[in-house]
Amino acid sequence: MPDGPPLARVTWDRAGLHRNDDAWLADAWSRARVLLISPGSETPVDGDGRVQLRPSDEAPDGPRRLLGIVDDVPTFAVTAAPDGDNWRTLRDVGGTVGDLSGGLLATAIGLEQWHAKHPHCPRCGALTHETQAGWTRTCPVDGSHHFPRTDPAVIMLVHDGGDLALLGRGPKWNPGRFSTLAGFVEPGETLEGAVAREVFEEVGVVVQDVRYVASQPWPFPASLMLGFTARLVGDPALTLDPVEMAEAGWFTREEIRRAADWADDDPAVRAGDRRAAADARPDGTRLVAVPPPFSISRYLIDRWLAGES
């Protein structure tokens, strides 16, 4: 297994100490590489699906946000309108971008969405402006500073201690696509408590032996996914929350491994047409696809398939 889930395998110098240094930022911009990000969180990619970085003198005017220093080169994100048909979202290219590009893109998206959705001061309602190289918003009326929002969410591979794992399908998902369970952490709650609560609320089973595995930034729009495994205790019968879950079930390793292969190899599944992919499977096949390899859900599934739960 890779060392950590995608979007979380590479770190770089985020240069936090330079965010208030105007002279340093001006010099850094003169020699920077720039990742363009649209208000819709799209970025230009090349023919192989790789993120394009361009010199700063080729970047359009727009808000500049310091992502950090990569291989001694300052790297910024700049908000820009798409200027071609090669702009894609992270969901589109998550399976083809490298670890570094994926991490930079996730950071740029998180900042872009936070700035777009939080333009006003939560204290007085005044319009705020970007400060600290895009990492804060400052109110000109009361002087308060506001920082990017990150929402902790747990995501868990529930298993029976043997050959079965629990996967569910949300109401908005096409038939045949299943994933691990997930939910947001509530105020005053531990991560382990959130795992147990979410599992019980969504499918009505009790778990124990909750173990942390890894985390992954997930800027859709502002989550930090905290990955766990948990083991069933007691009755495996499922009672579904009709709002959160369209269906759920216990699946064998062989069923899940087969669905993972289909999800990776079938063009219909990769294109998002899981309904067509499901229709092409043998009658009665319930599990057709699992999440793509760039998600932490798939990372948890692949670890379990490899016997690393």
Protein backbone atom coordinates (compact mmCIF):
# COMPACT_ATOMS: atom_id res chain seq x y z
CA MET A 1 0.00 0.00 0.00
CA PRO A 2 1.18 3.59 -0.63
CA ASP A 3 2.29 5.58 2.41
CA GLY A 4 -0.89 7.53 3.08
CA PRO A 5 -3.93 8.40 0.95
CA PRO A 6 -3.74 10.58 -2.17
CA LEU A 7 -3.76 14.37 -1.64
CA ALA A 8 -1.96 13.74 1.68
CA ARG A 9 1.33 12.07 0.73
CA VAL A 10 3.46 15.13 0.01
CA THR A 11 4.24 18.13 2.17
CA TRP A 12 5.98 21.34 1.20
CA ASP A 13 7.09 24.52 2.91
CA ARG A 14 3.91 26.58 3.23
CA ALA A 15 6.04 29.64 4.02
CA GLY A 16 3.69 30.82 6.76
CA LEU A 17 6.33 33.15 8.21
CA HIS A 18 6.43 35.12 4.94
CA ARG A 19 2.71 35.78 4.54
CA ASN A 20 2.93 39.23 6.15
CA ASP A 21 6.19 40.23 4.46
CA ASP A 22 5.22 42.44 1.51
CA ALA A 23 8.79 42.80 0.25
CA TRP A 24 9.36 39.06 0.31
CA LEU A 25 6.02 38.41 -1.42
CA ALA A 26 6.83 40.89 -4.19
CA ASP A 27 10.18 39.23 -4.85
CA ALA A 28 8.62 35.78 -4.64
CA TRP A 29 5.96 36.71 -7.19
CA SER A 30 8.62 37.82 -9.70
CA ARG A 31 10.00 34.27 -9.85
CA ALA A 32 6.92 32.26 -8.97
CA ARG A 33 5.03 29.43 -10.58
CA VAL A 34 1.28 29.90 -10.66
CA LEU A 35 -1.62 27.47 -10.39
CA LEU A 36 -4.79 28.97 -11.87
CA ILE A 37 -8.07 28.19 -10.15
CA SER A 38 -11.50 29.25 -11.37
CA PRO A 39 -14.43 30.30 -9.16
CA GLY A 40 -15.86 26.89 -10.01
CA SER A 41 -12.67 25.21 -8.69
CA GLU A 42 -11.40 24.19 -12.13
CA THR A 43 -7.77 24.33 -13.22
CA PRO A 44 -6.09 23.97 -16.64
CA VAL A 45 -4.54 20.55 -17.33
CA ASP A 46 -2.47 19.16 -20.19
CA GLY A 47 -3.41 16.28 -22.48
CA ASP A 48 -2.32 13.72 -19.89
CA GLY A 49 -4.48 15.25 -17.17
CA ARG A 50 -1.57 16.89 -15.36
CA VAL A 51 -1.99 20.26 -13.67
CA GLN A 52 -0.37 23.13 -15.54
CA LEU A 53 1.76 25.66 -13.67
CA ARG A 54 2.80 28.80 -15.52
CA PRO A 55 5.31 31.61 -14.86
CA SER A 56 3.94 34.56 -12.95
CA ASP A 57 4.42 36.91 -15.91
CA GLU A 58 1.93 34.76 -17.85
CA ALA A 59 -0.69 34.76 -15.10
CA PRO A 60 -3.83 36.89 -15.44
CA ASP A 61 -4.80 39.52 -12.91
CA GLY A 62 -6.67 38.08 -9.96
CA PRO A 63 -6.39 37.36 -6.25
CA ARG A 64 -2.96 35.91 -5.44
CA ARG A 65 -2.62 33.33 -2.68
CA LEU A 66 0.71 31.94 -1.56
CA LEU A 67 0.67 28.14 -1.54
CA GLY A 68 4.29 27.88 -0.42
CA ILE A 69 7.77 27.08 -1.65
CA VAL A 70 8.25 23.99 -3.78
CA ASP A 71 11.82 22.99 -4.73
CA ASP A 72 12.97 26.52 -3.79
CA VAL A 73 10.38 28.07 -6.13
CA PRO A 74 7.53 30.20 -4.68
CA THR A 75 4.17 28.85 -5.79
CA PHE A 76 0.94 30.86 -5.85
CA ALA A 77 -2.68 30.24 -6.75
CA VAL A 78 -4.46 32.91 -8.78
CA THR A 79 -8.21 33.10 -9.32
CA ALA A 80 -9.02 33.25 -13.03
CA ALA A 81 -11.89 32.58 -15.41
CA PRO A 82 -11.43 29.53 -17.66
CA ASP A 83 -9.89 30.54 -20.99
CA GLY A 84 -10.12 27.22 -22.83
CA ASP A 85 -11.74 23.79 -22.84
CA ASN A 86 -8.93 22.10 -20.90
CA TRP A 87 -10.07 23.21 -17.44
CA ARG A 88 -10.99 20.37 -15.08
CA THR A 89 -12.02 19.86 -11.45
CA LEU A 90 -10.12 17.81 -8.91
CA ARG A 91 -12.79 15.12 -9.18
CA ASP A 92 -12.06 14.95 -12.93
CA VAL A 93 -8.27 14.62 -12.65
CA GLY A 94 -7.79 13.15 -9.18
CA GLY A 95 -6.70 9.84 -10.66
CA THR A 96 -4.06 11.34 -12.97
CA VAL A 97 -2.42 14.19 -11.06
CA GLY A 98 0.72 13.47 -9.08
CA ASP A 99 0.89 13.68 -5.30
CA LEU A 100 2.40 17.17 -5.26
CA SER A 101 0.03 18.64 -7.84
CA GLY A 102 -2.93 17.05 -6.09
CA GLY A 103 -1.93 18.54 -2.76
CA LEU A 104 -1.38 21.99 -4.23
CA LEU A 105 -4.69 21.83 -6.06
CA ALA A 106 -6.57 20.74 -2.94
CA THR A 107 -5.08 23.70 -1.05
CA ALA A 108 -5.92 26.16 -3.82
CA ILE A 109 -9.50 24.89 -4.04
CA GLY A 110 -9.97 25.11 -0.28
CA LEU A 111 -8.81 28.72 -0.24
CA GLU A 112 -10.85 29.68 -3.31
CA GLN A 113 -14.08 28.24 -1.93
CA TRP A 114 -13.57 29.75 1.50
CA HIS A 115 -12.96 33.24 0.14
CA ALA A 116 -15.95 32.97 -2.18
CA LYS A 117 -18.34 31.85 0.56
CA HIS A 118 -17.16 34.06 3.43
CA PRO A 119 -16.77 37.62 2.08
CA HIS A 120 -18.36 39.36 5.07
CA CYS A 121 -17.29 39.81 8.66
CA PRO A 122 -19.25 37.41 10.91
CA ARG A 123 -19.13 40.01 13.70
CA CYS A 124 -20.44 43.16 12.01
CA GLY A 125 -21.32 42.15 8.45
CA ALA A 126 -18.83 44.47 6.74
CA LEU A 127 -17.12 43.35 3.54
CA THR A 128 -13.69 41.96 4.43
CA HIS A 129 -10.53 41.86 2.31
CA GLU A 130 -7.80 39.29 1.84
CA THR A 131 -4.66 39.57 3.95
CA GLN A 132 -1.62 37.42 4.78
CA ALA A 133 -1.16 36.36 1.16
CA GLY A 134 -4.69 34.98 0.98
CA TRP A 135 -4.70 33.07 4.27
CA THR A 136 -6.88 35.46 6.25
CA ARG A 137 -9.69 37.94 5.72
CA THR A 138 -9.59 41.18 7.70
CA CYS A 139 -12.51 43.39 8.59
CA PRO A 140 -11.82 47.11 7.90
CA VAL A 141 -14.46 48.15 10.44
CA ASP A 142 -13.63 46.23 13.61
CA GLY A 143 -10.15 44.97 12.67
CA SER A 144 -10.98 41.31 13.30
CA HIS A 145 -9.15 38.55 11.42
CA HIS A 146 -10.83 35.44 10.05
CA PHE A 147 -9.22 32.21 8.96
CA PRO A 148 -10.05 29.46 6.46
CA ARG A 149 -12.66 27.02 7.64
CA THR A 150 -11.89 23.31 7.89
CA ASP A 151 -14.66 20.90 8.90
CA PRO A 152 -13.54 17.61 10.52
CA ALA A 153 -15.37 14.56 9.20
CA VAL A 154 -14.88 10.89 10.03
CA ILE A 155 -14.93 8.20 7.36
CA MET A 156 -14.79 4.54 8.33
CA LEU A 157 -14.38 1.07 6.93
CA VAL A 158 -16.63 -1.09 9.09
CA HIS A 159 -15.86 -4.83 9.02
CA ASP A 160 -16.95 -7.93 10.91
CA GLY A 161 -13.47 -9.04 11.87
CA GLY A 162 -13.53 -11.57 9.04
CA ASP A 163 -14.39 -11.49 5.34
CA LEU A 164 -17.22 -8.95 5.32
CA ALA A 165 -17.18 -5.14 5.10
CA LEU A 166 -20.09 -2.72 5.31
CA LEU A 167 -20.65 -0.31 2.41
CA GLY A 168 -23.52 2.06 1.75
CA ARG A 169 -25.04 4.10 -1.08
CA GLY A 170 -26.34 7.64 -0.70
CA PRO A 171 -29.71 8.64 -2.20
CA LYS A 172 -28.06 10.79 -4.89
CA TRP A 173 -25.72 8.05 -6.09
CA ASN A 174 -26.45 5.84 -9.07
CA PRO A 175 -27.37 2.20 -8.43
CA GLY A 176 -24.38 -0.05 -7.97
CA ARG A 177 -22.03 2.55 -6.47
CA PHE A 178 -21.17 1.98 -2.81
CA SER A 179 -18.72 3.58 -0.43
CA THR A 180 -17.59 3.60 3.17
CA LEU A 181 -19.74 5.45 5.70
CA ALA A 182 -18.88 9.00 6.74
CA GLY A 183 -20.19 11.98 8.69
CA PHE A 184 -19.22 15.25 10.35
CA VAL A 185 -17.88 15.53 13.88
CA GLU A 186 -20.24 17.36 16.24
CA PRO A 187 -19.20 19.98 18.83
CA GLY A 188 -17.95 18.38 22.04
CA GLU A 189 -17.52 14.97 20.40
CA THR A 190 -14.44 12.79 20.08
CA LEU A 191 -13.47 11.33 16.73
CA GLU A 192 -14.05 7.80 18.01
CA GLY A 193 -17.44 8.83 19.33
CA ALA A 194 -18.34 10.33 15.96
CA VAL A 195 -17.45 7.07 14.21
CA ALA A 196 -19.68 5.00 16.49
CA ARG A 197 -22.52 7.51 16.38
CA GLU A 198 -22.53 7.94 12.59
CA VAL A 199 -22.46 4.19 11.97
CA PHE A 200 -25.36 3.60 14.36
CA GLU A 201 -27.40 6.52 12.99
CA GLU A 202 -26.90 5.57 9.33
CA VAL A 203 -27.20 1.78 9.44
CA GLY A 204 -28.19 0.81 12.99
CA VAL A 205 -25.24 -1.37 14.00
CA VAL A 206 -22.83 -1.06 16.91
CA VAL A 207 -19.06 -0.95 16.45
CA GLN A 208 -16.01 -1.11 18.66
CA ASP A 209 -12.23 -1.33 18.23
CA VAL A 210 -12.25 2.04 16.43
CA ARG A 211 -8.77 2.65 15.01
CA TYR A 212 -7.37 5.73 13.31
CA VAL A 213 -5.71 5.09 9.92
CA ALA A 214 -4.96 8.36 8.07
CA SER A 215 -6.37 11.75 7.07
CA GLN A 216 -6.97 13.49 3.76
CA PRO A 217 -7.90 17.06 2.81
CA TRP A 218 -11.16 17.00 0.88
CA PRO A 219 -12.05 20.48 -0.40
CA PHE A 220 -15.68 19.71 -1.29
CA PRO A 221 -16.01 22.31 0.06
CA ALA A 222 -13.87 22.35 3.22
CA SER A 223 -13.52 18.95 4.89
CA LEU A 224 -10.64 17.17 6.53
CA MET A 225 -11.47 13.49 6.25
CA LEU A 226 -10.24 11.45 9.22
CA GLY A 227 -10.09 7.78 8.26
CA PHE A 228 -10.81 4.92 10.64
CA THR A 229 -11.58 1.23 10.74
CA ALA A 230 -14.18 -0.16 13.15
CA ARG A 231 -15.32 -3.69 13.97
CA LEU A 232 -18.91 -4.85 14.27
CA VAL A 233 -20.08 -6.00 17.68
CA GLY A 234 -23.40 -7.79 18.07
CA ASP A 235 -26.21 -8.05 15.52
CA PRO A 236 -25.18 -7.34 11.88
CA ALA A 237 -28.77 -6.62 10.78
CA LEU A 238 -29.04 -3.18 9.19
CA THR A 239 -31.63 -0.48 9.90
CA LEU A 240 -31.12 2.37 7.44
CA ASP A 241 -31.64 6.08 7.92
CA PRO A 242 -33.90 6.78 4.91
CA VAL A 243 -32.56 10.32 4.53
CA GLU A 244 -28.87 9.40 4.53
CA MET A 245 -28.84 5.92 3.02
CA ALA A 246 -30.57 4.52 -0.07
CA GLU A 247 -29.15 1.07 0.61
CA ALA A 248 -26.32 -0.66 2.44
CA GLY A 249 -24.98 -4.14 2.76
CA TRP A 250 -22.26 -6.48 3.93
CA PHE A 251 -19.99 -7.51 1.05
CA THR A 252 -17.23 -10.08 0.80
CA ARG A 253 -13.64 -9.26 -0.11
CA GLU A 254 -14.13 -10.92 -3.47
CA GLU A 255 -17.22 -8.84 -4.26
CA ILE A 256 -15.47 -5.61 -3.26
CA ARG A 257 -12.25 -6.49 -5.10
CA ARG A 258 -14.26 -7.22 -8.26
CA ALA A 259 -16.12 -3.90 -7.98
CA ALA A 260 -12.81 -2.08 -7.50
CA ASP A 261 -11.45 -3.65 -10.68
CA TRP A 262 -14.59 -2.69 -12.58
CA ALA A 263 -14.45 0.88 -11.24
CA ASP A 264 -10.85 1.24 -12.37
CA ASP A 265 -11.15 -0.46 -15.76
CA ASP A 266 -14.64 0.35 -17.07
CA PRO A 267 -14.82 3.58 -19.15
CA ALA A 268 -18.51 3.96 -18.25
CA VAL A 269 -17.69 3.93 -14.56
CA ARG A 270 -14.75 6.31 -14.98
CA ALA A 271 -17.05 8.67 -16.92
CA GLY A 272 -19.52 8.60 -14.04
CA ASP A 273 -22.20 6.58 -15.88
CA ARG A 274 -22.51 3.92 -13.22
CA ARG A 275 -26.10 3.20 -14.18
CA ALA A 276 -24.99 2.07 -17.65
CA ALA A 277 -22.15 0.11 -16.08
CA ALA A 278 -24.59 -1.59 -13.71
CA ASP A 279 -26.85 -2.56 -16.60
CA ALA A 280 -23.89 -4.27 -18.27
CA ARG A 281 -23.22 -6.52 -15.26
CA PRO A 282 -24.76 -9.95 -14.67
CA ASP A 283 -28.32 -9.89 -13.40
CA GLY A 284 -28.44 -9.58 -9.64
CA THR A 285 -25.03 -7.93 -9.28
CA ARG A 286 -25.58 -5.36 -6.58
CA LEU A 287 -22.10 -3.90 -6.08
CA VAL A 288 -20.69 -2.43 -9.29
CA ALA A 289 -18.33 0.36 -8.26
CA VAL A 290 -16.44 1.72 -5.27
CA PRO A 291 -14.87 5.19 -4.97
CA PRO A 292 -11.95 6.17 -7.23
CA PRO A 293 -8.35 5.61 -6.12
CA PHE A 294 -7.72 9.25 -5.22
CA SER A 295 -10.26 9.18 -2.35
CA ILE A 296 -9.52 8.17 1.23
CA SER A 297 -12.58 5.92 1.07
CA ARG A 298 -10.83 3.83 -1.57
CA TYR A 299 -7.60 3.93 0.47
CA LEU A 300 -9.44 2.39 3.43
CA ILE A 301 -11.05 -0.20 1.17
CA ASP A 302 -7.77 -1.15 -0.48
CA ARG A 303 -6.07 -1.53 2.92
CA TRP A 304 -8.82 -3.87 4.05
CA LEU A 305 -8.61 -5.87 0.84
CA ALA A 306 -4.88 -6.23 1.49
CA GLY A 307 -5.53 -7.50 5.01
CA GLU A 308 -4.33 -4.30 6.72
CA SER A 309 -7.49 -3.42 8.62
